[in-house]
Amino acid sequence: MKKVMNHKGKLIVLIACIVLTTILLVGCGSSAQEHLDKGTAYLDQGKFDEAIEEFTEAIELDPELAMAYGNRGWAYYEKGEYDKAIADYDKTLELDPGDAVAYNNRGLAYYAIGEYDKAIADYDKAIELDPAYAKVYYHRGWVYWVKGEYDKTIADFNKTIELDPELDVAYVGRGYAYAQLGEKEKAISDLEKCIEISEDPALVQQARDMLDGLRE
């Protein structure tokens, strides 16, 4: 009887150890949110491959985590893998149809592969969801530029500047459009404004070069 009790006691201890070990292992494992956070940090550092790995881990742990698809989509976009970016934004929007940023970013990917009408449709939806989203108007304005619809380009850049008067690139974009339409003085004014407010040396030089061309 004594031996049976000892055997049962050892069995109970063994089971307890197995349960405790399992709990500890689960507790030590990274959560989907932790992988998402790591991936976002890599994304901010421009380490796109590492970011993609972390976002993929997050998705495997939580397939309903919309932001993981969206962030991975941006990493693919930065790598020039536009089809993969679009696929991830498709999934993001399936999970979160109200994500204006995802529509904007998918629009950028469509623009990159020359799907201009699809890009405009996505920008339109982003604006519908968030009418104060300044950069969406800016991005849509460039699509209209490529399509040769300069009046619409200027209208979108006007709205961009109304919403965000310090967005330097919008002045350059509108300056290009004014120059294309032969409105030289307006183009010069916008380029000078960009030079005044921008802290981006490359953009300032671009504006100066264009100014020199207009003043010749």
Protein backbone atom coordinates (compact mmCIF):
# COMPACT_ATOMS: atom_id res chain seq x y z
CA MET A 1 0.00 0.00 0.00
CA LYS A 2 2.86 2.32 0.86
CA LYS A 3 4.53 1.75 -2.55
CA VAL A 4 1.27 2.47 -4.39
CA MET A 5 0.89 5.77 -2.54
CA ASN A 6 4.47 6.74 -3.44
CA HIS A 7 3.86 5.91 -7.10
CA LYS A 8 0.70 8.00 -7.14
CA GLY A 9 2.51 10.85 -5.45
CA LYS A 10 5.30 10.79 -8.04
CA LEU A 11 2.72 10.71 -10.82
CA ILE A 12 0.93 13.75 -9.41
CA VAL A 13 4.22 15.64 -9.12
CA LEU A 14 5.16 14.70 -12.69
CA ILE A 15 1.81 15.91 -14.05
CA ALA A 16 2.12 19.13 -12.08
CA CYS A 17 5.60 19.72 -13.54
CA ILE A 18 4.36 19.13 -17.09
CA VAL A 19 1.47 21.58 -16.61
CA LEU A 20 3.77 24.20 -15.07
CA THR A 21 6.31 23.82 -17.88
CA THR A 22 3.58 24.24 -20.48
CA ILE A 23 2.30 27.38 -18.78
CA LEU A 24 5.81 28.81 -18.63
CA LEU A 25 6.50 28.03 -22.27
CA VAL A 26 3.27 29.68 -23.36
CA GLY A 27 3.98 32.66 -21.17
CA CYS A 28 7.49 33.06 -22.59
CA GLY A 29 6.35 32.90 -26.21
CA SER A 30 6.06 36.17 -28.14
CA SER A 31 2.55 37.42 -28.76
CA ALA A 32 1.23 38.65 -32.08
CA GLN A 33 1.36 42.21 -30.72
CA GLU A 34 5.01 41.82 -29.76
CA HIS A 35 5.90 40.67 -33.28
CA LEU A 36 3.85 43.55 -34.67
CA ASP A 37 5.75 46.02 -32.51
CA LYS A 38 9.12 44.55 -33.50
CA GLY A 39 8.15 44.61 -37.15
CA THR A 40 7.06 48.24 -36.88
CA ALA A 41 10.40 49.15 -35.33
CA TYR A 42 12.24 47.42 -38.18
CA LEU A 43 9.99 49.21 -40.66
CA ASP A 44 10.90 52.57 -39.15
CA GLN A 45 14.57 51.64 -39.50
CA GLY A 46 14.19 50.69 -43.15
CA LYS A 47 14.92 47.02 -42.41
CA PHE A 48 12.15 45.72 -44.62
CA ASP A 49 13.07 42.02 -44.77
CA GLU A 50 13.27 41.80 -40.98
CA ALA A 51 9.98 43.70 -40.71
CA ILE A 52 8.27 41.29 -43.09
CA GLU A 53 9.46 38.32 -41.02
CA GLU A 54 8.03 39.83 -37.83
CA PHE A 55 4.71 40.77 -39.43
CA THR A 56 4.41 37.29 -40.88
CA GLU A 57 4.97 35.82 -37.40
CA ALA A 58 2.27 38.13 -36.04
CA ILE A 59 -0.16 37.01 -38.74
CA GLU A 60 0.55 33.35 -38.03
CA LEU A 61 -0.30 33.94 -34.37
CA ASP A 62 -3.32 36.14 -35.10
CA PRO A 63 -4.68 35.90 -38.67
CA GLU A 64 -7.26 38.59 -37.85
CA LEU A 65 -4.67 41.26 -36.98
CA ALA A 66 -5.39 43.78 -39.74
CA MET A 67 -2.49 46.09 -38.90
CA ALA A 68 0.03 43.30 -39.44
CA TYR A 69 -1.14 42.88 -43.03
CA GLY A 70 -1.15 46.64 -43.54
CA ASN A 71 2.36 47.11 -42.19
CA ARG A 72 3.68 44.14 -44.13
CA GLY A 73 2.05 45.62 -47.21
CA TRP A 74 4.02 48.82 -46.68
CA ALA A 75 7.25 46.86 -46.31
CA TYR A 76 6.53 45.08 -49.60
CA TYR A 77 5.74 48.45 -51.19
CA GLU A 78 9.08 49.86 -50.06
CA LYS A 79 10.81 46.82 -51.58
CA GLY A 80 9.03 47.40 -54.88
CA GLU A 81 6.98 44.20 -54.54
CA TYR A 82 3.74 45.92 -55.46
CA ASP A 83 1.60 42.86 -56.15
CA LYS A 84 2.37 41.50 -52.68
CA ALA A 85 1.66 44.92 -51.19
CA ILE A 86 -1.73 45.04 -52.92
CA ALA A 87 -2.57 41.52 -51.70
CA ASP A 88 -1.79 42.52 -48.11
CA TYR A 89 -3.87 45.69 -48.38
CA ASP A 90 -6.72 43.64 -49.82
CA LYS A 91 -6.62 41.55 -46.65
CA THR A 92 -6.29 44.61 -44.43
CA LEU A 93 -9.42 46.11 -45.95
CA GLU A 94 -11.28 42.81 -45.75
CA LEU A 95 -10.64 42.85 -41.99
CA ASP A 96 -11.00 46.62 -41.54
CA PRO A 97 -13.04 48.27 -44.33
CA GLY A 98 -12.82 51.65 -42.62
CA ASP A 99 -9.02 51.97 -42.82
CA ALA A 100 -8.38 55.12 -44.87
CA VAL A 101 -4.60 54.64 -44.67
CA ALA A 102 -4.87 51.20 -46.25
CA TYR A 103 -6.86 52.64 -49.16
CA ASN A 104 -4.28 55.38 -49.59
CA ASN A 105 -1.38 52.94 -49.51
CA ARG A 106 -3.02 50.49 -51.89
CA GLY A 107 -3.60 53.46 -54.17
CA LEU A 108 0.14 54.14 -54.12
CA ALA A 109 0.83 50.53 -55.12
CA TYR A 110 -1.70 50.72 -57.95
CA TYR A 111 -0.10 53.96 -59.10
CA ALA A 112 3.32 52.29 -59.09
CA ILE A 113 2.14 49.59 -61.50
CA GLY A 114 0.30 52.01 -63.76
CA GLU A 115 -3.24 51.13 -62.62
CA TYR A 116 -4.23 54.79 -62.44
CA ASP A 117 -8.00 54.42 -62.36
CA LYS A 118 -7.77 51.88 -59.53
CA ALA A 119 -5.44 54.24 -57.69
CA ILE A 120 -7.93 57.11 -58.03
CA ALA A 121 -10.76 54.86 -56.83
CA ASP A 122 -8.77 54.00 -53.71
CA TYR A 123 -7.88 57.64 -53.05
CA ASP A 124 -11.54 58.59 -53.49
CA LYS A 125 -12.50 55.99 -50.88
CA ALA A 126 -9.80 57.18 -48.48
CA ILE A 127 -11.11 60.75 -48.81
CA GLU A 128 -14.67 59.55 -48.24
CA LEU A 129 -13.52 57.89 -45.01
CA ASP A 130 -11.26 60.76 -43.90
CA PRO A 131 -11.87 64.07 -45.73
CA ALA A 132 -9.09 65.78 -43.74
CA TYR A 133 -6.39 63.32 -44.89
CA ALA A 134 -4.17 65.85 -46.70
CA LYS A 135 -1.70 63.50 -48.35
CA VAL A 136 -4.43 61.55 -50.12
CA TYR A 137 -5.32 64.64 -52.15
CA TYR A 138 -1.62 65.11 -52.89
CA HIS A 139 -1.25 61.53 -54.11
CA ARG A 140 -4.42 61.73 -56.20
CA GLY A 141 -3.18 64.98 -57.67
CA TRP A 142 -0.11 63.24 -59.07
CA VAL A 143 -2.27 60.58 -60.70
CA TYR A 144 -4.24 63.31 -62.42
CA TRP A 145 -0.90 64.84 -63.45
CA VAL A 146 0.16 61.61 -65.15
CA LYS A 147 -3.23 61.46 -66.87
CA GLY A 148 -2.74 65.03 -68.14
CA GLU A 149 -5.68 66.39 -66.12
CA TYR A 150 -3.82 69.42 -64.79
CA ASP A 151 -6.85 71.36 -63.55
CA LYS A 152 -7.74 68.42 -61.31
CA THR A 153 -4.10 68.21 -60.24
CA ILE A 154 -4.16 71.83 -59.12
CA ALA A 155 -7.51 71.39 -57.36
CA ASP A 156 -6.13 68.47 -55.36
CA PHE A 157 -2.92 70.31 -54.49
CA ASN A 158 -5.00 73.32 -53.44
CA LYS A 159 -6.89 71.07 -51.04
CA THR A 160 -3.67 69.51 -49.79
CA ILE A 161 -2.22 72.93 -48.97
CA GLU A 162 -5.48 74.08 -47.39
CA LEU A 163 -5.32 71.10 -45.02
CA ASP A 164 -1.55 71.12 -44.50
CA PRO A 165 0.08 74.47 -45.40
CA GLU A 166 3.52 73.19 -44.37
CA LEU A 167 3.60 70.24 -46.79
CA ASP A 168 6.50 71.41 -48.93
CA VAL A 169 6.14 68.83 -51.71
CA ALA A 170 2.62 70.06 -52.46
CA TYR A 171 3.98 73.46 -53.51
CA VAL A 172 6.44 71.83 -55.89
CA GLY A 173 3.70 69.66 -57.34
CA ARG A 174 1.36 72.58 -57.84
CA GLY A 175 4.24 74.61 -59.25
CA TYR A 176 4.84 71.91 -61.88
CA ALA A 177 1.16 71.93 -62.79
CA TYR A 178 1.02 75.72 -63.07
CA ALA A 179 4.12 75.68 -65.27
CA GLN A 180 2.53 73.05 -67.50
CA LEU A 181 -0.50 75.31 -67.92
CA GLY A 182 1.70 78.32 -68.72
CA GLU A 183 0.91 80.13 -65.46
CA LYS A 184 4.50 81.10 -64.88
CA GLU A 185 4.08 83.58 -62.02
CA LYS A 186 1.95 81.17 -59.98
CA ALA A 187 4.52 78.44 -60.57
CA ILE A 188 7.34 80.72 -59.40
CA SER A 189 5.39 81.70 -56.29
CA ASP A 190 4.82 78.06 -55.32
CA LEU A 191 8.44 77.09 -55.88
CA GLU A 192 9.64 80.03 -53.80
CA LYS A 193 7.27 78.98 -51.02
CA CYS A 194 8.72 75.47 -51.09
CA ILE A 195 12.24 76.87 -50.76
CA GLU A 196 11.10 79.05 -47.87
CA ILE A 197 9.54 76.28 -45.77
CA SER A 198 11.31 73.07 -46.76
CA GLU A 199 14.05 71.45 -44.70
CA ASP A 200 14.74 68.86 -47.41
CA PRO A 201 17.92 69.90 -49.30
CA ALA A 202 17.13 67.69 -52.29
CA LEU A 203 13.62 69.13 -52.65
CA VAL A 204 14.92 72.69 -52.27
CA GLN A 205 17.47 72.07 -55.01
CA GLN A 206 14.76 70.63 -57.23
CA ALA A 207 12.68 73.77 -56.71
CA ARG A 208 15.68 76.02 -57.39
CA ASP A 209 16.49 74.18 -60.62
CA MET A 210 12.93 74.57 -61.82
CA LEU A 211 12.93 78.25 -60.86
CA ASP A 212 16.08 78.79 -62.91
CA GLY A 213 14.36 77.19 -65.88
CA LEU A 214 11.28 79.37 -65.53
CA ARG A 215 13.32 82.56 -65.21
CA GLU A 216 15.48 81.98 -68.27
